[in-house]
């Protein structure tokens, strides 16, 4: 649940950090030096984090706990990868 709650603040904080940088300001104002990470990769990481988070949340806590732990770990991995990809444009 914590991962899903923190997903949007993570994305917003990363974009704010990017737009506060010199490169982000140039991209926002002049359309120059913009991020080179394709938007499809960012969206794929976002939706993977959402899907894995919902799966882990809906998973029964008493059955196949190792699979639920893997879903949570993969969700955090997708979420942190998304934040890192956004920040790589800074």
C-alpha atoms as a PDB file:
ATOM      1  CA  UNK A   1       0.000   0.000   0.000  1.00  0.00           C
ATOM      2  CA  UNK A   2       2.839   2.403   0.812  1.00  0.00           C
ATOM      3  CA  UNK A   3       4.294   2.014  -2.675  1.00  0.00           C
ATOM      4  CA  UNK A   4       1.026   2.937  -4.343  1.00  0.00           C
ATOM      5  CA  UNK A   5       0.576   5.919  -2.041  1.00  0.00           C
ATOM      6  CA  UNK A   6       4.115   7.137  -2.749  1.00  0.00           C
ATOM      7  CA  UNK A   7       4.022   6.593  -6.517  1.00  0.00           C
ATOM      8  CA  UNK A   8       2.565   9.965  -7.528  1.00  0.00           C
ATOM      9  CA  UNK A   9       4.614  11.999  -5.023  1.00  0.00           C
ATOM     10  CA  UNK A  10       7.750  10.265  -6.313  1.00  0.00           C
ATOM     11  CA  UNK A  11       6.913  11.136  -9.913  1.00  0.00           C
ATOM     12  CA  UNK A  12       5.958  14.724  -9.062  1.00  0.00           C
ATOM     13  CA  UNK A  13       9.080  15.309  -6.967  1.00  0.00           C
ATOM     14  CA  UNK A  14      11.286  13.901  -9.732  1.00  0.00           C
ATOM     15  CA  UNK A  15       9.680  16.131 -12.382  1.00  0.00           C
ATOM     16  CA  UNK A  16       9.990  19.163 -10.117  1.00  0.00           C
ATOM     17  CA  UNK A  17      13.678  18.434  -9.646  1.00  0.00           C
ATOM     18  CA  UNK A  18      14.137  18.088 -13.403  1.00  0.00           C
ATOM     19  CA  UNK A  19      12.306  21.319 -14.209  1.00  0.00           C
ATOM     20  CA  UNK A  20      14.229  23.179 -11.509  1.00  0.00           C
ATOM     21  CA  UNK A  21      17.522  22.304 -13.196  1.00  0.00           C
ATOM     22  CA  UNK A  22      19.159  24.258 -15.996  1.00  0.00           C
ATOM     23  CA  UNK A  23      18.446  21.542 -18.568  1.00  0.00           C
ATOM     24  CA  UNK A  24      14.822  21.284 -17.510  1.00  0.00           C
ATOM     25  CA  UNK A  25      14.393  25.044 -17.659  1.00  0.00           C
ATOM     26  CA  UNK A  26      15.825  25.136 -21.182  1.00  0.00           C
ATOM     27  CA  UNK A  27      13.505  22.347 -22.250  1.00  0.00           C
ATOM     28  CA  UNK A  28      10.491  24.032 -20.701  1.00  0.00           C
ATOM     29  CA  UNK A  29      11.253  27.523 -22.041  1.00  0.00           C
ATOM     30  CA  UNK A  30      12.988  26.908 -25.383  1.00  0.00           C
ATOM     31  CA  UNK A  31      12.399  23.250 -26.254  1.00  0.00           C
ATOM     32  CA  UNK A  32      16.158  22.619 -26.181  1.00  0.00           C
ATOM     33  CA  UNK A  33      18.199  19.972 -24.337  1.00  0.00           C
ATOM     34  CA  UNK A  34      15.089  17.973 -23.518  1.00  0.00           C
ATOM     35  CA  UNK A  35      15.107  14.526 -21.963  1.00  0.00           C
ATOM     36  CA  UNK A  36      16.153  11.675 -24.232  1.00  0.00           C
ATOM     37  CA  UNK A  37      14.286   8.892 -22.410  1.00  0.00           C
ATOM     38  CA  UNK A  38      11.282   7.863 -24.534  1.00  0.00           C
ATOM     39  CA  UNK A  39       7.896   8.564 -22.978  1.00  0.00           C
ATOM     40  CA  UNK A  40       6.770   4.998 -23.647  1.00  0.00           C
ATOM     41  CA  UNK A  41       9.475   3.703 -21.294  1.00  0.00           C
ATOM     42  CA  UNK A  42       8.337   6.100 -18.563  1.00  0.00           C
ATOM     43  CA  UNK A  43       4.696   5.118 -19.003  1.00  0.00           C
ATOM     44  CA  UNK A  44       5.611   1.417 -19.043  1.00  0.00           C
ATOM     45  CA  UNK A  45       7.438   1.770 -15.715  1.00  0.00           C
ATOM     46  CA  UNK A  46       4.545   3.772 -14.262  1.00  0.00           C
ATOM     47  CA  UNK A  47       1.873   1.259 -15.271  1.00  0.00           C
ATOM     48  CA  UNK A  48       4.070  -1.682 -14.231  1.00  0.00           C
ATOM     49  CA  UNK A  49       4.423  -0.135 -10.765  1.00  0.00           C
ATOM     50  CA  UNK A  50       0.668   0.436 -10.565  1.00  0.00           C
ATOM     51  CA  UNK A  51      -0.157  -3.081 -11.789  1.00  0.00           C
ATOM     52  CA  UNK A  52       2.301  -4.793  -9.482  1.00  0.00           C
ATOM     53  CA  UNK A  53       1.163  -2.682  -6.534  1.00  0.00           C
ATOM     54  CA  UNK A  54      -2.482  -3.543  -7.110  1.00  0.00           C
ATOM     55  CA  UNK A  55      -1.556  -7.206  -7.529  1.00  0.00           C
ATOM     56  CA  UNK A  56       0.372  -7.209  -4.256  1.00  0.00           C
ATOM     57  CA  UNK A  57      -2.461  -5.398  -2.509  1.00  0.00           C
ATOM     58  CA  UNK A  58      -5.106  -7.826  -3.756  1.00  0.00           C
ATOM     59  CA  UNK A  59      -2.967 -10.921  -3.133  1.00  0.00           C
ATOM     60  CA  UNK A  60      -4.132 -13.021  -0.166  1.00  0.00           C
ATOM     61  CA  UNK A  61      -1.682 -12.633   2.706  1.00  0.00           C
ATOM     62  CA  UNK A  62      -1.928 -16.271   3.761  1.00  0.00           C
ATOM     63  CA  UNK A  63      -1.244 -18.005   0.426  1.00  0.00           C
ATOM     64  CA  UNK A  64       1.961 -17.838  -1.591  1.00  0.00           C
ATOM     65  CA  UNK A  65       3.523 -15.142   0.511  1.00  0.00           C
ATOM     66  CA  UNK A  66       6.775 -15.385  -1.439  1.00  0.00           C
ATOM     67  CA  UNK A  67       4.929 -14.456  -4.649  1.00  0.00           C
ATOM     68  CA  UNK A  68       3.393 -11.456  -2.895  1.00  0.00           C
ATOM     69  CA  UNK A  69       6.837 -10.394  -1.641  1.00  0.00           C
ATOM     70  CA  UNK A  70       8.177 -10.646  -5.192  1.00  0.00           C
ATOM     71  CA  UNK A  71       5.310  -8.487  -6.467  1.00  0.00           C
ATOM     72  CA  UNK A  72       6.086  -5.846  -3.840  1.00  0.00           C
ATOM     73  CA  UNK A  73       9.801  -5.956  -4.643  1.00  0.00           C
ATOM     74  CA  UNK A  74       9.182  -5.659  -8.374  1.00  0.00           C
ATOM     75  CA  UNK A  75       6.757  -2.806  -7.774  1.00  0.00           C
ATOM     76  CA  UNK A  76       9.352  -0.868  -5.787  1.00  0.00           C
ATOM     77  CA  UNK A  77      11.924  -1.667  -8.457  1.00  0.00           C
ATOM     78  CA  UNK A  78       9.684  -0.302 -11.219  1.00  0.00           C
ATOM     79  CA  UNK A  79       8.865   2.762  -9.132  1.00  0.00           C
ATOM     80  CA  UNK A  80      12.496   3.548  -8.336  1.00  0.00           C
ATOM     81  CA  UNK A  81      13.485   2.918 -11.954  1.00  0.00           C
ATOM     82  CA  UNK A  82      10.805   5.391 -13.040  1.00  0.00           C
ATOM     83  CA  UNK A  83      12.131   8.024 -10.652  1.00  0.00           C
ATOM     84  CA  UNK A  84      15.700   7.424 -11.799  1.00  0.00           C
ATOM     85  CA  UNK A  85      14.737   7.663 -15.466  1.00  0.00           C
ATOM     86  CA  UNK A  86      12.943  10.946 -14.871  1.00  0.00           C
ATOM     87  CA  UNK A  87      15.888  12.311 -12.911  1.00  0.00           C
ATOM     88  CA  UNK A  88      18.330  11.232 -15.611  1.00  0.00           C
ATOM     89  CA  UNK A  89      17.012  14.097 -17.716  1.00  0.00           C
ATOM     90  CA  UNK A  90      18.106  16.668 -15.109  1.00  0.00           C
END
